[in-house]
Amino acid sequence: MKFRIKMFFGFLSIILLLLICWSAAYFLTDSFSSYINIKLNSFLIQLINSLLGFFIFGCCMFLISRIFSRQRQRHIEFIQSIINAMRQIARGDYNVRLSKISGHEFRDDPFSQIVDNINYMSRELGQLEQMRQEFVSNVSHEIQSPLTSISGFARALQNEQLKHNERLHYLTIIETESQRLSKLSDNLLKLTSLESSQYPFELKEYRLDKQLQHIVLACEPQWSAKEIEFDLSLDKMNIIADQDLLDQVWMNLLNNAIKFTPDGGTISIKISNLNGDVAVTITDTGIGIAEKDQLHLFERFYKADKSRNRNISGSGLGLSIVKKIIDMHGGTVSVTSKQNEGSTFIVTFPAHHEKE
């Protein structure tokens, strides 16, 4: 149907152009004959009109073909630039920026949309590649540090003149660094599996307040050793979620709170109902987090305080895992904190999550 309409309008345009050309030829012949003051017979006038009309029509068609030829050439060059850009991206070069064709700057124009989307794709892939390189660099750094310690203290143990206490101290360090490597490996595998589409997402109904109570009791050796007090406000709350994944969330957040809260401090946990959503608030009286660090806190391998010793700091993956799990539940996690005044983590998600 569209083809027939185009054919009709094309035929109509040619007829209109012929009428204009013959009319122009008529007026030119008439003006010329009036100018030279010679009366031509009708046959000669018709012959001149026909030849002049064909000449004008041919000139018009030549100009139109030249215009369309240039436009076609520009489109061919534009398509070729797209092909070259895609080849660059395929080779891993994401510094691709296409320019729009002159006269196609409107947002709804398809050529402009192609340019915008290719430029957007190259930028996003470039950022993804940068993140991948940073990830590999961070993993290498995190693995290299404990391996260096293990290697150094293993060589030191070869010294037969070492005292028994020194030997035990070195063995303890090697064991600690080995556990650190193991935890880093577990967290990497956990984060990778969470980001895959094949990760099992098991939803079931259970009591959130009971879950948080069990997590607090499971961490009793850590908080009782530091004489930390707990303030629990856990109203009865039934939710539908993945219990194992949320176990990981509460364990990571609570371990962080215990880790950075000084002896004799306080940790409070509260459950709230927000218009059908559940909000879990975990507040500590710890060392706090600087405002500039709060923006990057949930990024992989980000550590707010680079000066913390190894016994306190982790791999920088725990909060990334927390955010990923809460994202899977359609929720959000945020933090408010001031240095030396403690931190508050607020986790919000639907009480009855439905798997997409």
Protein backbone atom coordinates (compact mmCIF):
# COMPACT_ATOMS: atom_id res chain seq x y z
CA MET A 1 0.00 0.00 0.00
CA LYS A 2 2.78 2.43 0.91
CA PHE A 3 4.64 1.56 -2.30
CA ARG A 4 1.56 2.38 -4.40
CA ILE A 5 1.14 5.72 -2.62
CA LYS A 6 4.79 6.57 -3.26
CA MET A 7 4.41 5.61 -6.95
CA PHE A 8 1.32 7.79 -7.25
CA PHE A 9 2.99 10.83 -5.73
CA GLY A 10 6.11 10.24 -7.83
CA PHE A 11 4.07 10.12 -11.03
CA LEU A 12 2.14 13.24 -9.94
CA SER A 13 5.42 15.08 -9.26
CA ILE A 14 6.75 14.26 -12.77
CA ILE A 15 3.50 15.49 -14.41
CA LEU A 16 3.68 18.70 -12.35
CA LEU A 17 7.32 19.21 -13.31
CA LEU A 18 6.48 18.70 -17.00
CA LEU A 19 3.69 21.27 -16.78
CA ILE A 20 6.04 23.77 -15.14
CA CYS A 21 8.80 23.15 -17.72
CA TRP A 22 6.42 23.49 -20.73
CA SER A 23 4.83 26.59 -19.21
CA ALA A 24 8.27 28.11 -18.75
CA ALA A 25 9.17 27.19 -22.35
CA TYR A 26 5.96 28.82 -23.62
CA PHE A 27 6.59 32.07 -21.74
CA LEU A 28 10.21 32.15 -22.85
CA THR A 29 9.26 31.59 -26.52
CA ASP A 30 6.52 34.18 -26.35
CA SER A 31 8.80 36.71 -24.67
CA PHE A 32 11.56 36.06 -27.22
CA SER A 33 9.24 36.43 -30.21
CA SER A 34 7.83 39.67 -28.76
CA TYR A 35 11.36 40.96 -28.15
CA ILE A 36 12.57 40.40 -31.73
CA ASN A 37 9.18 41.53 -33.08
CA ILE A 38 8.85 38.56 -35.45
CA LYS A 39 5.57 36.71 -35.94
CA LEU A 40 6.27 32.96 -35.99
CA ASN A 41 3.83 30.42 -37.34
CA SER A 42 2.10 28.06 -34.94
CA PHE A 43 4.06 24.95 -36.03
CA LEU A 44 7.41 26.60 -35.40
CA ILE A 45 6.20 27.91 -32.03
CA GLN A 46 5.05 24.42 -31.02
CA LEU A 47 8.37 22.91 -32.14
CA ILE A 48 10.40 25.50 -30.20
CA ASN A 49 8.19 25.05 -27.14
CA SER A 50 8.64 21.26 -27.26
CA LEU A 51 12.44 21.39 -27.66
CA LEU A 52 12.83 24.10 -25.03
CA GLY A 53 10.46 22.26 -22.67
CA PHE A 54 12.45 19.05 -23.04
CA PHE A 55 15.68 20.98 -22.47
CA ILE A 56 14.37 22.64 -19.29
CA PHE A 57 12.96 19.32 -18.09
CA GLY A 58 16.32 17.61 -18.70
CA CYS A 59 18.17 20.36 -16.81
CA CYS A 60 15.78 20.02 -13.86
CA MET A 61 16.16 16.22 -13.79
CA PHE A 62 19.95 16.59 -13.96
CA LEU A 63 19.96 18.98 -10.97
CA ILE A 64 17.60 16.75 -9.01
CA SER A 65 19.72 13.68 -9.75
CA ARG A 66 22.85 15.54 -8.63
CA ILE A 67 21.18 16.53 -5.36
CA PHE A 68 19.97 12.99 -4.69
CA SER A 69 23.34 11.60 -5.73
CA ARG A 70 25.14 13.77 -3.18
CA GLN A 71 22.63 12.83 -0.49
CA ARG A 72 23.00 9.15 -1.39
CA GLN A 73 26.78 9.47 -1.23
CA ARG A 74 26.52 11.08 2.19
CA HIS A 75 24.28 8.26 3.38
CA ILE A 76 26.73 5.67 2.03
CA GLU A 77 29.59 7.40 3.85
CA PHE A 78 27.45 7.56 7.00
CA ILE A 79 26.67 3.83 6.82
CA GLN A 80 30.34 3.09 6.20
CA SER A 81 31.27 5.14 9.28
CA ILE A 82 28.81 3.05 11.31
CA ILE A 83 30.42 -0.16 10.00
CA ASN A 84 33.90 1.15 10.86
CA ALA A 85 32.71 2.18 14.32
CA MET A 86 31.26 -1.29 14.98
CA ARG A 87 34.54 -2.87 13.88
CA GLN A 88 36.45 -0.59 16.27
CA ILE A 89 34.16 -1.57 19.13
CA ALA A 90 34.53 -5.26 18.22
CA ARG A 91 38.33 -4.87 18.45
CA GLY A 92 37.99 -3.38 21.94
CA ASP A 93 38.46 0.27 21.00
CA TYR A 94 35.63 2.12 22.73
CA ASN A 95 36.82 5.66 21.91
CA VAL A 96 34.25 5.88 19.12
CA ARG A 97 32.26 9.06 18.58
CA LEU A 98 30.13 9.44 15.45
CA SER A 99 28.98 12.77 14.06
CA LYS A 100 25.48 13.36 12.76
CA ILE A 101 24.75 14.02 9.09
CA SER A 102 24.13 17.68 8.33
CA GLY A 103 20.40 18.23 8.14
CA HIS A 104 19.66 15.25 10.41
CA GLU A 105 20.05 16.89 13.81
CA PHE A 106 16.45 16.42 14.90
CA ARG A 107 15.93 14.04 17.80
CA ASP A 108 13.22 11.99 16.05
CA ASP A 109 15.32 11.52 12.93
CA PRO A 110 16.35 7.82 12.60
CA PHE A 111 19.94 8.70 11.58
CA SER A 112 20.35 10.89 14.67
CA GLN A 113 18.99 8.10 16.85
CA ILE A 114 21.51 5.65 15.36
CA VAL A 115 24.39 8.05 16.08
CA ASP A 116 23.19 8.73 19.63
CA ASN A 117 22.78 5.04 20.45
CA ILE A 118 26.16 4.00 19.03
CA ASN A 119 27.88 6.79 20.96
CA TYR A 120 25.99 5.76 24.09
CA MET A 121 26.96 2.10 23.59
CA SER A 122 30.65 2.95 23.15
CA ARG A 123 30.64 5.09 26.31
CA GLU A 124 28.94 2.38 28.37
CA LEU A 125 31.27 -0.34 27.06
CA GLY A 126 34.25 1.91 27.78
CA GLN A 127 33.10 2.38 31.36
CA LEU A 128 32.49 -1.37 31.68
CA GLU A 129 36.00 -2.10 30.41
CA GLN A 130 37.45 0.40 32.87
CA MET A 131 35.51 -1.26 35.69
CA ARG A 132 36.79 -4.67 34.56
CA GLN A 133 40.39 -3.48 34.58
CA GLU A 134 39.95 -1.91 38.01
CA PHE A 135 38.34 -5.13 39.25
CA VAL A 136 41.25 -7.26 38.01
CA SER A 137 43.73 -4.79 39.49
CA ASN A 138 41.95 -4.80 42.86
CA VAL A 139 41.72 -8.60 42.96
CA SER A 140 45.42 -8.90 42.11
CA HIS A 141 46.30 -6.42 44.85
CA GLU A 142 44.12 -8.10 47.46
CA ILE A 143 45.56 -11.53 46.65
CA GLN A 144 49.15 -10.35 46.43
CA SER A 145 49.18 -8.84 49.93
CA PRO A 146 48.42 -12.02 51.93
CA LEU A 147 50.52 -14.15 49.58
CA THR A 148 53.52 -11.90 50.28
CA SER A 149 52.98 -12.27 54.02
CA ILE A 150 52.59 -16.05 53.80
CA SER A 151 55.69 -16.39 51.65
CA GLY A 152 57.78 -14.10 53.90
CA PHE A 153 56.84 -15.76 57.18
CA ALA A 154 57.20 -19.24 55.66
CA ARG A 155 60.80 -18.38 54.78
CA ALA A 156 61.31 -16.98 58.28
CA LEU A 157 60.15 -20.30 59.78
CA GLN A 158 63.05 -22.03 58.08
CA ASN A 159 65.37 -20.35 60.56
CA GLU A 160 66.20 -23.07 63.09
CA GLN A 161 67.24 -20.51 65.69
CA LEU A 162 63.67 -19.15 66.05
CA LYS A 163 62.21 -19.26 69.53
CA HIS A 164 59.04 -21.25 70.14
CA ASN A 165 56.95 -18.12 70.78
CA GLU A 166 58.19 -16.47 67.58
CA ARG A 167 57.44 -19.62 65.59
CA LEU A 168 53.89 -19.72 66.97
CA HIS A 169 53.45 -16.02 66.17
CA TYR A 170 54.54 -16.52 62.56
CA LEU A 171 52.28 -19.56 62.20
CA THR A 172 49.36 -17.52 63.54
CA ILE A 173 50.00 -14.81 60.95
CA ILE A 174 50.17 -17.42 58.17
CA GLU A 175 46.88 -18.93 59.36
CA THR A 176 45.23 -15.49 59.51
CA GLU A 177 46.40 -14.57 56.01
CA SER A 178 45.25 -17.94 54.68
CA GLN A 179 41.80 -17.36 56.16
CA ARG A 180 41.82 -13.90 54.61
CA LEU A 181 42.56 -15.42 51.19
CA SER A 182 39.83 -18.00 51.69
CA LYS A 183 37.27 -15.35 52.66
CA LEU A 184 38.26 -13.22 49.65
CA SER A 185 37.79 -16.20 47.36
CA ASP A 186 34.40 -17.02 48.91
CA ASN A 187 33.21 -13.42 48.53
CA LEU A 188 34.36 -13.24 44.92
CA LEU A 189 32.55 -16.47 44.09
CA LYS A 190 29.46 -15.26 45.95
CA LEU A 191 29.38 -11.92 44.13
CA THR A 192 29.99 -13.56 40.75
CA SER A 193 27.25 -16.12 41.28
CA LEU A 194 24.82 -13.42 42.44
CA GLU A 195 25.40 -11.44 39.25
CA SER A 196 24.73 -14.45 37.04
CA SER A 197 21.19 -15.05 35.81
CA GLN A 198 21.42 -18.70 36.89
CA TYR A 199 21.65 -18.02 40.61
CA PRO A 200 18.83 -19.82 42.47
CA PHE A 201 16.42 -17.35 44.03
CA GLU A 202 14.34 -19.28 46.57
CA LEU A 203 11.38 -17.33 47.96
CA LYS A 204 9.51 -18.45 51.04
CA GLU A 205 7.52 -16.93 53.88
CA TYR A 206 9.19 -16.64 57.27
CA ARG A 207 9.55 -14.41 60.35
CA LEU A 208 12.06 -11.60 59.82
CA ASP A 209 12.24 -10.81 63.55
CA LYS A 210 13.20 -14.42 64.32
CA GLN A 211 15.87 -14.32 61.61
CA LEU A 212 17.50 -11.20 63.07
CA GLN A 213 17.43 -12.68 66.58
CA HIS A 214 19.25 -15.79 65.32
CA ILE A 215 21.87 -13.66 63.56
CA VAL A 216 22.54 -11.66 66.73
CA LEU A 217 22.92 -14.88 68.75
CA ALA A 218 25.23 -16.37 66.10
CA CYS A 219 27.55 -13.35 66.46
CA GLU A 220 27.58 -13.51 70.28
CA PRO A 221 31.26 -14.51 70.59
CA GLN A 222 32.30 -11.36 68.72
CA TRP A 223 30.12 -8.80 70.51
CA SER A 224 30.37 -10.36 73.96
CA ALA A 225 34.19 -10.22 73.76
CA LYS A 226 33.91 -6.44 73.23
CA GLU A 227 31.14 -6.07 75.84
CA ILE A 228 28.83 -4.47 73.27
CA GLU A 229 25.22 -3.90 74.32
CA PHE A 230 22.30 -4.56 71.98
CA ASP A 231 19.06 -2.58 71.74
CA LEU A 232 16.56 -4.67 69.79
CA SER A 233 13.17 -3.46 68.61
CA LEU A 234 11.98 -6.45 66.60
CA ASP A 235 8.23 -6.46 66.13
CA LYS A 236 6.68 -9.55 64.61
CA MET A 237 7.09 -9.36 60.84
CA ASN A 238 6.27 -11.99 58.19
CA ILE A 239 8.00 -11.55 54.83
CA ILE A 240 8.38 -13.47 51.57
CA ALA A 241 12.04 -13.43 50.53
CA ASP A 242 15.14 -15.56 50.07
CA GLN A 243 16.07 -16.38 53.65
CA ASP A 244 19.61 -17.61 52.91
CA LEU A 245 20.48 -14.45 50.97
CA LEU A 246 19.08 -12.14 53.64
CA ASP A 247 21.06 -14.14 56.24
CA GLN A 248 24.14 -12.98 54.35
CA VAL A 249 22.92 -9.36 54.37
CA TRP A 250 22.30 -9.21 58.11
CA MET A 251 25.52 -11.11 58.88
CA ASN A 252 27.65 -8.72 56.81
CA LEU A 253 26.04 -5.59 58.26
CA LEU A 254 26.18 -6.86 61.84
CA ASN A 255 29.81 -8.00 61.53
CA ASN A 256 30.75 -4.54 60.26
CA ALA A 257 28.90 -2.90 63.14
CA ILE A 258 30.68 -5.12 65.68
CA LYS A 259 34.05 -4.69 63.97
CA PHE A 260 34.03 -0.89 64.04
CA THR A 261 32.28 -0.38 67.39
CA PRO A 262 34.66 0.13 70.32
CA ASP A 263 34.49 -1.88 73.53
CA GLY A 264 31.43 -1.07 75.59
CA GLY A 265 29.57 0.42 72.62
CA THR A 266 25.96 -0.08 71.60
CA ILE A 267 24.30 -1.57 68.51
CA SER A 268 20.58 -1.17 67.89
CA ILE A 269 18.43 -3.07 65.38
CA LYS A 270 14.90 -1.97 64.53
CA ILE A 271 12.18 -3.28 62.17
CA SER A 272 9.65 -0.81 60.74
CA ASN A 273 6.68 -1.11 58.39
CA LEU A 274 6.63 1.56 55.65
CA ASN A 275 3.44 1.31 53.57
CA GLY A 276 3.92 -2.35 52.73
CA ASP A 277 7.70 -2.19 52.68
CA VAL A 278 10.01 -3.44 55.40
CA ALA A 279 12.75 -1.20 56.80
CA VAL A 280 15.53 -2.70 58.90
CA THR A 281 17.73 -0.12 60.66
CA ILE A 282 21.12 -1.11 62.13
CA THR A 283 22.82 1.63 64.14
CA ASP A 284 26.17 1.47 65.92
CA THR A 285 28.24 3.82 68.05
CA GLY A 286 31.41 3.07 66.13
CA ILE A 287 34.10 5.14 64.44
CA GLY A 288 31.78 6.38 61.69
CA ILE A 289 32.38 6.99 57.99
CA ALA A 290 33.55 10.18 56.31
CA GLU A 291 30.98 11.86 54.04
CA LYS A 292 33.21 11.57 50.96
CA ASP A 293 33.51 7.81 51.51
CA GLN A 294 29.78 7.21 51.87
CA LEU A 295 29.25 7.79 48.12
CA HIS A 296 31.53 4.85 47.24
CA LEU A 297 30.81 2.57 50.18
CA PHE A 298 28.95 -0.09 48.17
CA GLU A 299 31.51 -0.30 45.36
CA ARG A 300 33.66 -3.40 45.03
CA PHE A 301 36.92 -3.37 47.00
CA TYR A 302 36.27 0.16 48.29
CA LYS A 303 37.67 0.72 51.76
CA ALA A 304 36.73 3.90 53.56
CA ASP A 305 39.84 3.98 55.75
CA LYS A 306 43.00 2.91 53.93
CA SER A 307 45.01 3.05 57.16
CA ARG A 308 43.08 0.33 59.00
CA ASN A 309 45.15 -2.68 59.88
CA ARG A 310 44.50 -6.09 58.42
CA ASN A 311 42.91 -7.45 61.53
CA ILE A 312 40.14 -4.87 61.25
CA SER A 313 39.68 -4.18 57.53
CA GLY A 314 38.12 -6.66 55.13
CA SER A 315 38.27 -7.23 51.40
CA GLY A 316 35.83 -4.45 50.52
CA LEU A 317 33.29 -6.90 49.05
CA GLY A 318 30.87 -7.34 51.96
CA LEU A 319 28.76 -4.24 51.30
CA SER A 320 28.82 -4.91 47.53
CA ILE A 321 27.24 -8.30 48.25
CA VAL A 322 24.68 -6.62 50.54
CA LYS A 323 23.66 -4.16 47.83
CA LYS A 324 23.42 -6.86 45.17
CA ILE A 325 21.17 -9.05 47.31
CA ILE A 326 18.90 -6.14 48.25
CA ASP A 327 18.72 -5.12 44.57
CA MET A 328 17.57 -8.66 43.77
CA HIS A 329 14.76 -8.18 46.29
CA GLY A 330 13.74 -4.87 44.70
CA GLY A 331 14.90 -2.82 47.66
CA THR A 332 17.45 -0.18 48.60
CA VAL A 333 20.26 0.14 51.12
CA SER A 334 21.58 3.48 52.39
CA VAL A 335 23.91 4.79 55.07
CA THR A 336 24.09 7.91 57.22
CA SER A 337 27.16 8.45 59.32
CA LYS A 338 29.45 10.95 61.02
CA GLN A 339 33.01 10.27 62.04
CA ASN A 340 33.38 9.25 65.69
CA GLU A 341 29.59 9.31 66.09
CA GLY A 342 28.61 5.97 64.59
CA SER A 343 26.78 4.77 61.47
CA THR A 344 23.22 3.84 60.53
CA PHE A 345 22.44 1.42 57.71
CA ILE A 346 18.84 1.35 56.49
CA VAL A 347 17.68 -1.60 54.37
CA THR A 348 14.26 -1.28 52.71
CA PHE A 349 12.54 -3.90 50.55
CA PRO A 350 9.00 -5.19 49.79
CA ALA A 351 7.59 -7.45 52.47
CA HIS A 352 6.16 -9.80 49.85
CA HIS A 353 8.62 -9.99 46.99
CA GLU A 354 7.46 -11.69 43.81
CA LYS A 355 10.05 -13.23 41.53
CA GLU A 356 10.03 -11.70 38.06
